[in-house]
């Protein structure tokens, strides 16, 4: 199984104490996901975030509905947390969210997604399309951050 990594760093000119809670609230996932993905949390909110917490969603990829279940596999507030797909559209999905407070009360948010696609050779062929879609999703998240947190974050892809 071929694994890929997408990493995005976003500097948010807000203190860690304001940034971490926004991302640690599962109900904000729908706010930072592009509307065309039809993202819906099926779990009861608010989710008590901790290691072992399960979160169920539905999404649409290219119009096809998928159920997605993730488990919080690491929880170290306010520095990091990790969600791992238990069931969903990827063969593997591990999303690590890290937060580092910078000088001047800003926070660098680091998203690192390690993923693998299903369907072997076919998955590898369509990977450029998937990678482009993931980058677009993270671009959308950045635009929501501008609106929701009232700032203009700068992001950089390293994948």
Protein backbone atom coordinates (compact mmCIF):
# COMPACT_ATOMS: atom_id res chain seq x y z
CA UNK A 1 0.00 0.00 0.00
CA UNK A 2 1.54 3.29 -1.14
CA UNK A 3 1.30 6.04 1.50
CA UNK A 4 1.25 9.76 0.82
CA UNK A 5 1.69 12.77 3.09
CA UNK A 6 0.03 16.17 2.86
CA UNK A 7 1.33 18.81 5.23
CA UNK A 8 -0.05 22.30 5.61
CA UNK A 9 1.29 25.00 7.91
CA UNK A 10 -0.90 27.96 8.67
CA UNK A 11 0.09 30.90 10.83
CA UNK A 12 -2.89 32.25 12.73
CA UNK A 13 -2.34 35.61 14.45
CA UNK A 14 -4.23 34.50 17.53
CA UNK A 15 -2.99 32.92 20.75
CA UNK A 16 -2.97 29.17 21.14
CA UNK A 17 -5.69 29.45 23.79
CA UNK A 18 -8.10 30.66 21.07
CA UNK A 19 -6.94 28.51 18.15
CA UNK A 20 -6.83 25.05 19.74
CA UNK A 21 -10.44 25.04 21.02
CA UNK A 22 -11.76 25.96 17.55
CA UNK A 23 -10.13 22.89 15.99
CA UNK A 24 -10.80 20.59 18.94
CA UNK A 25 -14.57 21.13 18.62
CA UNK A 26 -15.81 18.43 16.22
CA UNK A 27 -18.87 20.50 15.33
CA UNK A 28 -16.57 23.03 13.61
CA UNK A 29 -15.55 20.40 11.03
CA UNK A 30 -18.67 21.09 8.98
CA UNK A 31 -17.84 24.82 9.00
CA UNK A 32 -14.35 24.26 7.58
CA UNK A 33 -15.30 21.66 4.94
CA UNK A 34 -16.35 22.72 1.42
CA UNK A 35 -20.16 22.60 1.05
CA UNK A 36 -20.03 20.38 -2.05
CA UNK A 37 -18.71 17.54 0.12
CA UNK A 38 -22.05 17.44 1.94
CA UNK A 39 -20.22 16.91 5.24
CA UNK A 40 -22.48 15.98 8.17
CA UNK A 41 -21.53 14.86 11.66
CA UNK A 42 -23.72 11.93 12.65
CA UNK A 43 -22.36 11.68 16.20
CA UNK A 44 -24.07 13.57 19.01
CA UNK A 45 -22.37 16.91 19.55
CA UNK A 46 -20.54 18.23 21.38
CA UNK A 47 -18.14 15.29 21.21
CA UNK A 48 -16.17 14.71 24.41
CA UNK A 49 -12.73 14.85 22.85
CA UNK A 50 -10.28 12.34 24.36
CA UNK A 51 -8.29 9.32 23.25
CA UNK A 52 -10.80 6.74 22.09
CA UNK A 53 -13.56 9.21 21.16
CA UNK A 54 -15.38 8.10 18.01
CA UNK A 55 -16.82 10.55 15.49
CA UNK A 56 -19.14 9.47 12.68
CA UNK A 57 -19.67 11.54 9.54
CA UNK A 58 -21.16 11.33 6.10
CA UNK A 59 -19.52 12.96 3.09
CA UNK A 60 -19.97 12.95 -0.65
CA UNK A 61 -17.00 12.46 -2.95
CA UNK A 62 -17.83 13.17 -6.58
CA UNK A 63 -21.49 12.78 -5.67
CA UNK A 64 -21.07 9.36 -4.06
CA UNK A 65 -22.07 9.18 -0.37
CA UNK A 66 -19.62 7.67 2.12
CA UNK A 67 -19.80 7.02 5.82
CA UNK A 68 -16.67 7.89 7.70
CA UNK A 69 -15.70 6.98 11.27
CA UNK A 70 -12.64 8.38 12.97
CA UNK A 71 -11.15 7.72 16.36
CA UNK A 72 -9.17 10.24 18.36
CA UNK A 73 -5.91 8.31 18.72
CA UNK A 74 -3.86 11.05 20.41
CA UNK A 75 -5.02 13.92 22.59
CA UNK A 76 -2.56 16.42 24.09
CA UNK A 77 -4.35 19.75 24.53
CA UNK A 78 -3.48 22.45 23.64
CA UNK A 79 -0.54 21.13 21.61
CA UNK A 80 -1.90 18.37 19.39
CA UNK A 81 -4.45 15.73 18.60
CA UNK A 82 -4.77 13.01 16.02
CA UNK A 83 -7.72 11.38 14.33
CA UNK A 84 -7.47 8.05 12.53
CA UNK A 85 -10.00 6.70 10.06
CA UNK A 86 -11.57 3.43 11.16
CA UNK A 87 -14.02 3.30 8.25
CA UNK A 88 -14.22 5.55 5.22
CA UNK A 89 -13.11 6.25 1.67
CA UNK A 90 -9.36 5.90 2.24
CA UNK A 91 -7.32 2.75 2.78
CA UNK A 92 -5.53 4.76 5.48
CA UNK A 93 -6.08 8.23 6.94
CA UNK A 94 -4.21 9.62 9.94
CA UNK A 95 -4.56 13.36 10.52
CA UNK A 96 -2.27 14.94 13.10
CA UNK A 97 -3.14 18.48 14.18
CA UNK A 98 -0.28 20.29 15.94
CA UNK A 99 -0.26 23.79 17.38
CA UNK A 100 2.77 25.89 18.32
CA UNK A 101 2.44 29.30 19.93
CA UNK A 102 4.80 31.77 18.29
CA UNK A 103 6.17 35.06 19.58
CA UNK A 104 3.61 37.84 19.52
CA UNK A 105 0.64 35.65 20.43
CA UNK A 106 0.27 33.97 17.07
CA UNK A 107 -0.06 30.23 16.52
CA UNK A 108 1.36 27.99 13.83
CA UNK A 109 -1.07 25.24 13.06
CA UNK A 110 0.38 22.16 11.36
CA UNK A 111 -1.88 19.66 9.65
CA UNK A 112 -0.12 16.44 8.65
CA UNK A 113 -2.22 13.84 6.87
CA UNK A 114 -0.76 10.43 6.10
CA UNK A 115 -3.07 8.60 3.74
CA UNK A 116 -3.30 5.70 1.33
CA UNK A 117 -5.82 5.10 -1.40
CA UNK A 118 -7.81 1.92 -1.95
CA UNK A 119 -7.80 -0.16 -5.15
CA UNK A 120 -4.04 -0.67 -5.49
CA UNK A 121 -2.76 0.33 -8.92
CA UNK A 122 -5.97 2.23 -9.79
CA UNK A 123 -5.62 4.24 -6.57
CA UNK A 124 -2.08 5.20 -7.55
CA UNK A 125 -3.25 6.32 -10.99
CA UNK A 126 -5.95 8.62 -9.56
CA UNK A 127 -3.71 9.96 -6.78
CA UNK A 128 -2.95 13.28 -8.56
CA UNK A 129 -6.69 13.99 -8.66
CA UNK A 130 -7.09 13.10 -4.97
CA UNK A 131 -4.06 15.18 -3.99
CA UNK A 132 -5.52 18.18 -5.85
CA UNK A 133 -8.86 17.72 -4.10
CA UNK A 134 -7.19 17.52 -0.67
CA UNK A 135 -5.22 20.69 -1.34
CA UNK A 136 -8.44 22.43 -2.37
CA UNK A 137 -10.12 21.27 0.86
CA UNK A 138 -7.26 22.72 2.91
CA UNK A 139 -7.40 25.95 0.86
CA UNK A 140 -11.09 26.18 1.75
CA UNK A 141 -10.26 25.64 5.43
CA UNK A 142 -7.82 28.56 5.22
CA UNK A 143 -10.50 30.83 3.77
CA UNK A 144 -12.89 29.87 6.58
CA UNK A 145 -10.19 30.66 9.13
CA UNK A 146 -9.94 34.15 7.67
CA UNK A 147 -13.66 34.61 8.09
CA UNK A 148 -14.18 32.79 11.42
CA UNK A 149 -11.10 33.94 13.30
CA UNK A 150 -10.98 37.37 11.69
CA UNK A 151 -7.47 37.08 10.36
CA UNK A 152 -5.56 36.38 7.19
CA UNK A 153 -3.57 33.18 7.67
CA UNK A 154 -0.79 32.23 5.26
CA UNK A 155 -0.51 28.58 4.37
CA UNK A 156 2.18 26.59 2.67
CA UNK A 157 1.92 23.14 1.12
CA UNK A 158 4.91 20.90 1.58
CA UNK A 159 3.57 17.86 -0.23
